[in-house]
C-alpha atoms as a PDB file:
ATOM      1  CA  UNK A   1     -18.065   4.690 -13.850  1.00  0.00           C
ATOM      2  CA  UNK A   2     -18.664   0.483 -13.906  1.00  0.00           C
ATOM      3  CA  UNK A   3     -15.512  -1.418 -12.633  1.00  0.00           C
ATOM      4  CA  UNK A   4     -14.489  -3.483 -15.822  1.00  0.00           C
ATOM      5  CA  UNK A   5     -13.361  -7.156 -13.719  1.00  0.00           C
ATOM      6  CA  UNK A   6     -16.879  -6.817 -11.561  1.00  0.00           C
ATOM      7  CA  UNK A   7     -19.374  -5.443 -15.025  1.00  0.00           C
ATOM      8  CA  UNK A   8     -17.596  -8.363 -17.091  1.00  0.00           C
ATOM      9  CA  UNK A   9     -16.707  -5.930 -19.115  1.00  0.00           C
ATOM     10  CA  UNK A  10     -12.691  -6.791 -19.569  1.00  0.00           C
ATOM     11  CA  UNK A  11     -12.737  -6.013 -22.932  1.00  0.00           C
ATOM     12  CA  UNK A  12     -12.012  -2.680 -22.513  1.00  0.00           C
ATOM     13  CA  UNK A  13      -9.509  -3.562 -20.119  1.00  0.00           C
ATOM     14  CA  UNK A  14      -7.191  -5.244 -22.713  1.00  0.00           C
ATOM     15  CA  UNK A  15      -8.724  -2.623 -25.434  1.00  0.00           C
ATOM     16  CA  UNK A  16      -6.839   0.028 -22.719  1.00  0.00           C
ATOM     17  CA  UNK A  17      -3.672  -1.727 -21.883  1.00  0.00           C
ATOM     18  CA  UNK A  18      -3.063  -2.329 -25.971  1.00  0.00           C
ATOM     19  CA  UNK A  19      -3.505   1.880 -25.941  1.00  0.00           C
ATOM     20  CA  UNK A  20      -6.610   1.382 -28.410  1.00  0.00           C
ATOM     21  CA  UNK A  21      -8.529   3.207 -26.386  1.00  0.00           C
ATOM     22  CA  UNK A  22      -9.987   7.123 -27.789  1.00  0.00           C
ATOM     23  CA  UNK A  23      -7.895   9.624 -25.264  1.00  0.00           C
ATOM     24  CA  UNK A  24     -11.467  10.550 -23.468  1.00  0.00           C
ATOM     25  CA  UNK A  25     -12.165   6.809 -22.251  1.00  0.00           C
ATOM     26  CA  UNK A  26      -8.538   6.397 -21.285  1.00  0.00           C
ATOM     27  CA  UNK A  27      -8.444   9.232 -18.820  1.00  0.00           C
ATOM     28  CA  UNK A  28     -11.272   7.987 -17.654  1.00  0.00           C
ATOM     29  CA  UNK A  29     -10.340   4.387 -17.129  1.00  0.00           C
ATOM     30  CA  UNK A  30      -7.170   5.967 -15.594  1.00  0.00           C
ATOM     31  CA  UNK A  31      -9.500   7.611 -13.124  1.00  0.00           C
ATOM     32  CA  UNK A  32     -10.550   3.822 -12.268  1.00  0.00           C
ATOM     33  CA  UNK A  33      -6.907   2.292 -12.017  1.00  0.00           C
ATOM     34  CA  UNK A  34      -6.407   4.809  -9.197  1.00  0.00           C
ATOM     35  CA  UNK A  35      -8.709   3.811  -7.573  1.00  0.00           C
ATOM     36  CA  UNK A  36      -8.801  -0.025  -7.601  1.00  0.00           C
ATOM     37  CA  UNK A  37      -6.397  -1.972  -6.986  1.00  0.00           C
ATOM     38  CA  UNK A  38      -7.579  -5.360  -8.945  1.00  0.00           C
ATOM     39  CA  UNK A  39      -8.035  -3.297 -11.608  1.00  0.00           C
ATOM     40  CA  UNK A  40      -4.747  -1.808 -11.826  1.00  0.00           C
ATOM     41  CA  UNK A  41      -3.548  -5.349 -11.016  1.00  0.00           C
ATOM     42  CA  UNK A  42      -4.956  -6.869 -13.659  1.00  0.00           C
ATOM     43  CA  UNK A  43      -3.958  -4.485 -16.145  1.00  0.00           C
ATOM     44  CA  UNK A  44      -0.394  -4.496 -14.610  1.00  0.00           C
ATOM     45  CA  UNK A  45      -1.082  -8.025 -15.862  1.00  0.00           C
ATOM     46  CA  UNK A  46      -2.072  -7.366 -19.297  1.00  0.00           C
ATOM     47  CA  UNK A  47       0.463  -4.907 -19.919  1.00  0.00           C
ATOM     48  CA  UNK A  48       3.702  -7.244 -19.063  1.00  0.00           C
ATOM     49  CA  UNK A  49       1.678  -9.734 -21.288  1.00  0.00           C
ATOM     50  CA  UNK A  50       1.641  -7.068 -24.134  1.00  0.00           C
ATOM     51  CA  UNK A  51       5.484  -6.408 -23.822  1.00  0.00           C
ATOM     52  CA  UNK A  52       6.012  -8.769 -24.226  1.00  0.00           C
ATOM     53  CA  UNK A  53       4.576  -9.301 -27.606  1.00  0.00           C
ATOM     54  CA  UNK A  54       5.925  -6.607 -28.302  1.00  0.00           C
ATOM     55  CA  UNK A  55      10.015  -7.369 -27.507  1.00  0.00           C
ATOM     56  CA  UNK A  56       9.631 -10.421 -29.044  1.00  0.00           C
ATOM     57  CA  UNK A  57      11.128 -11.432 -33.081  1.00  0.00           C
ATOM     58  CA  UNK A  58      10.572 -13.704 -34.799  1.00  0.00           C
ATOM     59  CA  UNK A  59      12.977 -15.838 -36.176  1.00  0.00           C
ATOM     60  CA  UNK A  60      15.272 -14.838 -39.676  1.00  0.00           C
ATOM     61  CA  UNK A  61      13.184 -17.555 -42.271  1.00  0.00           C
ATOM     62  CA  UNK A  62      16.035 -19.404 -44.203  1.00  0.00           C
ATOM     63  CA  UNK A  63      17.775 -17.726 -47.212  1.00  0.00           C
ATOM     64  CA  UNK A  64      15.668 -21.410 -49.457  1.00  0.00           C
ATOM     65  CA  UNK A  65      13.142 -21.765 -47.127  1.00  0.00           C
ATOM     66  CA  UNK A  66      11.011 -20.699 -50.523  1.00  0.00           C
ATOM     67  CA  UNK A  67      12.560 -23.318 -52.524  1.00  0.00           C
ATOM     68  CA  UNK A  68      12.775 -26.381 -50.415  1.00  0.00           C
ATOM     69  CA  UNK A  69       8.582 -25.807 -49.422  1.00  0.00           C
ATOM     70  CA  UNK A  70       8.575 -25.771 -53.089  1.00  0.00           C
ATOM     71  CA  UNK A  71      10.202 -29.444 -53.341  1.00  0.00           C
ATOM     72  CA  UNK A  72       8.068 -30.983 -50.863  1.00  0.00           C
ATOM     73  CA  UNK A  73       4.987 -30.248 -52.490  1.00  0.00           C
ATOM     74  CA  UNK A  74       6.126 -31.371 -55.583  1.00  0.00           C
ATOM     75  CA  UNK A  75       7.399 -34.172 -54.576  1.00  0.00           C
ATOM     76  CA  UNK A  76       4.297 -35.116 -52.766  1.00  0.00           C
ATOM     77  CA  UNK A  77       2.435 -34.397 -55.877  1.00  0.00           C
ATOM     78  CA  UNK A  78       3.923 -37.221 -57.973  1.00  0.00           C
ATOM     79  CA  UNK A  79       2.591 -39.458 -56.088  1.00  0.00           C
ATOM     80  CA  UNK A  80      -0.629 -41.182 -56.077  1.00  0.00           C
ATOM     81  CA  UNK A  81      -2.710 -41.405 -53.605  1.00  0.00           C
ATOM     82  CA  UNK A  82      -2.912 -45.098 -52.405  1.00  0.00           C
ATOM     83  CA  UNK A  83       0.764 -44.225 -51.684  1.00  0.00           C
ATOM     84  CA  UNK A  84       0.248 -41.118 -50.100  1.00  0.00           C
ATOM     85  CA  UNK A  85      -2.589 -42.734 -47.697  1.00  0.00           C
ATOM     86  CA  UNK A  86      -0.311 -45.934 -47.281  1.00  0.00           C
ATOM     87  CA  UNK A  87       2.895 -43.810 -46.465  1.00  0.00           C
ATOM     88  CA  UNK A  88       2.651 -43.166 -43.458  1.00  0.00           C
ATOM     89  CA  UNK A  89       2.242 -47.192 -42.269  1.00  0.00           C
ATOM     90  CA  UNK A  90       5.641 -48.413 -43.924  1.00  0.00           C
ATOM     91  CA  UNK A  91       8.473 -47.017 -42.650  1.00  0.00           C
ATOM     92  CA  UNK A  92       7.276 -49.076 -39.212  1.00  0.00           C
ATOM     93  CA  UNK A  93       7.241 -52.491 -39.377  1.00  0.00           C
ATOM     94  CA  UNK A  94       5.817 -52.843 -36.271  1.00  0.00           C
ATOM     95  CA  UNK A  95       2.173 -50.990 -37.626  1.00  0.00           C
ATOM     96  CA  UNK A  96       2.005 -53.487 -40.589  1.00  0.00           C
ATOM     97  CA  UNK A  97       2.492 -56.974 -37.816  1.00  0.00           C
ATOM     98  CA  UNK A  98       0.165 -55.397 -35.350  1.00  0.00           C
ATOM     99  CA  UNK A  99      -2.379 -56.261 -37.864  1.00  0.00           C
ATOM    100  CA  UNK A 100      -1.561 -59.800 -38.642  1.00  0.00           C
ATOM    101  CA  UNK A 101      -0.647 -60.692 -34.892  1.00  0.00           C
ATOM    102  CA  UNK A 102      -4.102 -59.651 -34.392  1.00  0.00           C
ATOM    103  CA  UNK A 103      -5.393 -61.779 -36.723  1.00  0.00           C
ATOM    104  CA  UNK A 104      -3.552 -64.861 -35.859  1.00  0.00           C
ATOM    105  CA  UNK A 105      -4.700 -64.148 -32.682  1.00  0.00           C
ATOM    106  CA  UNK A 106      -8.572 -64.326 -33.555  1.00  0.00           C
ATOM    107  CA  UNK A 107      -7.826 -67.193 -35.643  1.00  0.00           C
ATOM    108  CA  UNK A 108      -6.613 -69.241 -32.608  1.00  0.00           C
ATOM    109  CA  UNK A 109      -8.964 -68.453 -30.119  1.00  0.00           C
ATOM    110  CA  UNK A 110     -11.950 -69.229 -33.040  1.00  0.00           C
ATOM    111  CA  UNK A 111      -9.641 -72.644 -33.190  1.00  0.00           C
ATOM    112  CA  UNK A 112     -10.332 -73.028 -29.704  1.00  0.00           C
ATOM    113  CA  UNK A 113     -13.406 -73.058 -29.555  1.00  0.00           C
ATOM    114  CA  UNK A 114     -14.509 -74.540 -32.370  1.00  0.00           C
ATOM    115  CA  UNK A 115     -11.766 -77.801 -31.000  1.00  0.00           C
ATOM    116  CA  UNK A 116     -13.712 -77.504 -27.419  1.00  0.00           C
ATOM    117  CA  UNK A 117     -16.836 -76.397 -28.010  1.00  0.00           C
ATOM    118  CA  UNK A 118     -17.498 -78.585 -23.653  1.00  0.00           C
ATOM    119  CA  UNK A 119     -14.965 -76.319 -21.919  1.00  0.00           C
ATOM    120  CA  UNK A 120     -17.047 -73.219 -22.273  1.00  0.00           C
ATOM    121  CA  UNK A 121     -19.566 -72.708 -19.843  1.00  0.00           C
ATOM    122  CA  UNK A 122     -22.349 -70.384 -19.541  1.00  0.00           C
ATOM    123  CA  UNK A 123     -22.336 -68.371 -16.123  1.00  0.00           C
ATOM    124  CA  UNK A 124     -24.406 -69.423 -13.289  1.00  0.00           C
ATOM    125  CA  UNK A 125     -26.484 -67.328 -11.883  1.00  0.00           C
ATOM    126  CA  UNK A 126     -26.503 -66.179  -8.901  1.00  0.00           C
ATOM    127  CA  UNK A 127     -27.972 -67.769  -5.526  1.00  0.00           C
ATOM    128  CA  UNK A 128     -29.638 -64.398  -4.302  1.00  0.00           C
ATOM    129  CA  UNK A 129     -30.981 -64.179  -8.105  1.00  0.00           C
ATOM    130  CA  UNK A 130     -32.403 -67.747  -7.887  1.00  0.00           C
ATOM    131  CA  UNK A 131     -33.973 -67.920  -4.813  1.00  0.00           C
ATOM    132  CA  UNK A 132     -35.529 -64.072  -6.140  1.00  0.00           C
ATOM    133  CA  UNK A 133     -37.056 -65.865  -9.152  1.00  0.00           C
ATOM    134  CA  UNK A 134     -38.332 -68.735  -6.816  1.00  0.00           C
ATOM    135  CA  UNK A 135     -39.540 -66.066  -4.306  1.00  0.00           C
ATOM    136  CA  UNK A 136     -41.734 -64.494  -7.650  1.00  0.00           C
ATOM    137  CA  UNK A 137     -42.949 -67.393  -9.109  1.00  0.00           C
ATOM    138  CA  UNK A 138     -44.568 -68.576  -5.074  1.00  0.00           C
ATOM    139  CA  UNK A 139     -46.065 -64.928  -4.580  1.00  0.00           C
ATOM    140  CA  UNK A 140     -47.701 -64.742  -8.347  1.00  0.00           C
ATOM    141  CA  UNK A 141     -48.767 -68.251  -7.800  1.00  0.00           C
ATOM    142  CA  UNK A 142     -50.407 -67.473  -4.258  1.00  0.00           C
ATOM    143  CA  UNK A 143     -51.842 -64.665  -6.125  1.00  0.00           C
ATOM    144  CA  UNK A 144     -53.594 -67.267  -8.426  1.00  0.00           C
ATOM    145  CA  UNK A 145     -54.855 -69.734  -5.877  1.00  0.00           C
ATOM    146  CA  UNK A 146     -56.717 -66.223  -4.414  1.00  0.00           C
ATOM    147  CA  UNK A 147     -57.723 -65.373  -7.470  1.00  0.00           C
ATOM    148  CA  UNK A 148     -59.987 -68.680  -7.647  1.00  0.00           C
ATOM    149  CA  UNK A 149     -60.778 -68.885  -4.181  1.00  0.00           C
ATOM    150  CA  UNK A 150     -62.309 -65.064  -4.730  1.00  0.00           C
ATOM    151  CA  UNK A 151     -63.720 -66.494  -8.482  1.00  0.00           C
ATOM    152  CA  UNK A 152     -66.196 -69.338  -6.163  1.00  0.00           C
ATOM    153  CA  UNK A 153     -67.525 -65.989  -4.289  1.00  0.00           C
ATOM    154  CA  UNK A 154     -70.126 -65.231  -7.486  1.00  0.00           C
ATOM    155  CA  UNK A 155     -72.087 -62.274  -6.702  1.00  0.00           C
ATOM    156  CA  UNK A 156     -74.842 -64.890  -7.915  1.00  0.00           C
ATOM    157  CA  UNK A 157     -74.422 -67.155  -4.875  1.00  0.00           C
ATOM    158  CA  UNK A 158     -73.926 -63.666  -2.448  1.00  0.00           C
ATOM    159  CA  UNK A 159     -77.532 -63.169  -3.858  1.00  0.00           C
ATOM    160  CA  UNK A 160     -78.692 -66.879  -3.700  1.00  0.00           C
ATOM    161  CA  UNK A 161     -77.732 -66.646  -0.450  1.00  0.00           C
ATOM    162  CA  UNK A 162     -79.361 -63.262   0.980  1.00  0.00           C
ATOM    163  CA  UNK A 163     -76.550 -62.038   2.152  1.00  0.00           C
ATOM    164  CA  UNK A 164     -74.795 -58.907   0.256  1.00  0.00           C
ATOM    165  CA  UNK A 165     -72.427 -57.850   2.326  1.00  0.00           C
ATOM    166  CA  UNK A 166     -72.840 -60.452   5.203  1.00  0.00           C
ATOM    167  CA  UNK A 167     -70.166 -61.638   6.656  1.00  0.00           C
END
């Protein structure tokens, strides 16, 4: 028989511990459990889970549970969609004050920026960036000078001299 933990057939192990395997498969699986400590350990743990679930009893529902549920449903139906939407914000005055405080802060910052626009200076580029841009500009200029020099030596001028590849 395939080992359930190695063959990834864990459903068989769960089905066995739930007591839902047919008699023939269950007896073959029990034979495997006798010789496999890994599967036996997992089966024992799974059996403990099933036993705990079987021993658990749900708490009793109060006698007036249905009446309270229906009353809450009726109360919810009385409110308009807008009241239901904004009701979460009502009990907490802090929730109402936060957007107002944020808006006031933004207006204050905008006023300060408009009143003193010269105090705000853009970030200065790093010296490394300036040096790199200067080096690139010098490289481009040097390359353009070299191209201009090469244009002076056109194939027509080398043919006039009689030197096609001479140096």
